[in-house]
Amino acid sequence: MHNKWKQMQEAYYKELAGVITKYDNVFLFGLTKAKIELYKYLNKDSYFRDISIAIQSTDKITENEKEAFVVNHFENI
């Protein structure tokens, strides 16, 4: 069961990586450790070295707070 979970997780990260390739700056945030795992997954591939990836842990926030959080992050870049 653990191997199946890892395979599903890897497939999901691969799908996200495909989307991330379209951007120069990426901001990963949230409650869980998934953002760190995705960051480590992306760092294994040299293709992502030219993409700026920021990570920040957050508490539970509403959709409006998420939007403001992201806008604030990218305004400071």
Protein backbone atom coordinates (compact mmCIF):
# COMPACT_ATOMS: atom_id res chain seq x y z
CA MET A 1 0.00 0.00 0.00
CA HIS A 2 2.88 2.36 0.81
CA ASN A 3 4.39 1.83 -2.66
CA LYS A 4 1.06 2.57 -4.33
CA TRP A 5 0.76 5.81 -2.33
CA LYS A 6 4.30 6.83 -3.36
CA GLN A 7 3.54 6.09 -7.02
CA MET A 8 0.37 8.20 -6.90
CA GLN A 9 2.24 11.02 -5.15
CA GLU A 10 5.06 10.92 -7.72
CA ALA A 11 2.53 11.03 -10.58
CA TYR A 12 0.86 14.06 -8.99
CA TYR A 13 4.17 15.87 -8.48
CA LYS A 14 5.09 15.10 -12.08
CA GLU A 15 1.80 16.64 -13.22
CA LEU A 16 2.45 19.74 -11.10
CA ALA A 17 6.00 19.97 -12.46
CA GLY A 18 4.57 20.13 -15.97
CA VAL A 19 2.48 23.14 -14.98
CA ILE A 20 5.32 24.82 -13.09
CA THR A 21 7.56 24.77 -16.18
CA LYS A 22 5.40 27.56 -17.63
CA TYR A 23 6.39 30.03 -14.89
CA ASP A 24 9.50 31.91 -13.77
CA ASN A 25 8.39 32.37 -10.14
CA VAL A 26 6.46 29.87 -8.06
CA PHE A 27 5.11 30.27 -4.52
CA LEU A 28 4.31 27.11 -2.55
CA PHE A 29 2.42 27.61 0.70
CA GLY A 30 0.04 25.78 3.00
CA LEU A 31 -0.39 23.74 6.14
CA THR A 32 1.16 20.40 5.25
CA LYS A 33 4.66 19.22 4.36
CA ALA A 34 3.60 18.53 0.76
CA LYS A 35 5.05 21.88 -0.37
CA ILE A 36 8.47 20.81 0.95
CA GLU A 37 8.20 17.39 -0.67
CA LEU A 38 7.26 19.02 -4.00
CA TYR A 39 10.16 21.44 -3.65
CA LYS A 40 12.59 18.56 -3.07
CA TYR A 41 11.10 16.70 -6.03
CA LEU A 42 11.63 19.73 -8.28
CA ASN A 43 15.17 20.33 -7.01
CA LYS A 44 16.20 16.86 -8.20
CA ASP A 45 15.66 18.04 -11.79
CA SER A 46 18.16 20.60 -13.13
CA TYR A 47 15.44 22.00 -15.41
CA PHE A 48 13.91 23.81 -12.43
CA ARG A 49 17.12 25.60 -11.37
CA ASP A 50 16.15 28.68 -13.40
CA ILE A 51 12.71 28.86 -11.78
CA SER A 52 12.50 30.80 -8.53
CA ILE A 53 10.56 28.70 -6.01
CA ALA A 54 9.55 30.18 -2.65
CA ILE A 55 8.06 28.16 0.22
CA GLN A 56 6.13 29.38 3.23
CA SER A 57 4.08 27.61 5.88
CA THR A 58 0.70 29.09 6.69
CA ASP A 59 -2.13 28.54 9.09
CA LYS A 60 -5.56 27.70 7.78
CA ILE A 61 -6.68 30.67 5.68
CA THR A 62 -9.77 31.57 3.64
CA GLU A 63 -9.84 31.89 -0.14
CA ASN A 64 -9.73 35.70 0.12
CA GLU A 65 -6.77 35.50 2.48
CA LYS A 66 -5.00 33.13 0.07
CA GLU A 67 -5.46 35.55 -2.78
CA ALA A 68 -4.18 38.49 -0.71
CA PHE A 69 -1.26 36.36 0.53
CA VAL A 70 -0.20 35.47 -3.01
CA VAL A 71 -0.64 39.03 -4.33
CA ASN A 72 1.43 40.36 -1.43
CA HIS A 73 4.19 37.81 -2.08
CA PHE A 74 4.51 38.66 -5.77
CA GLU A 75 4.31 42.41 -5.20
CA ASN A 76 7.49 42.10 -3.14
CA ILE A 77 9.42 40.37 -5.94
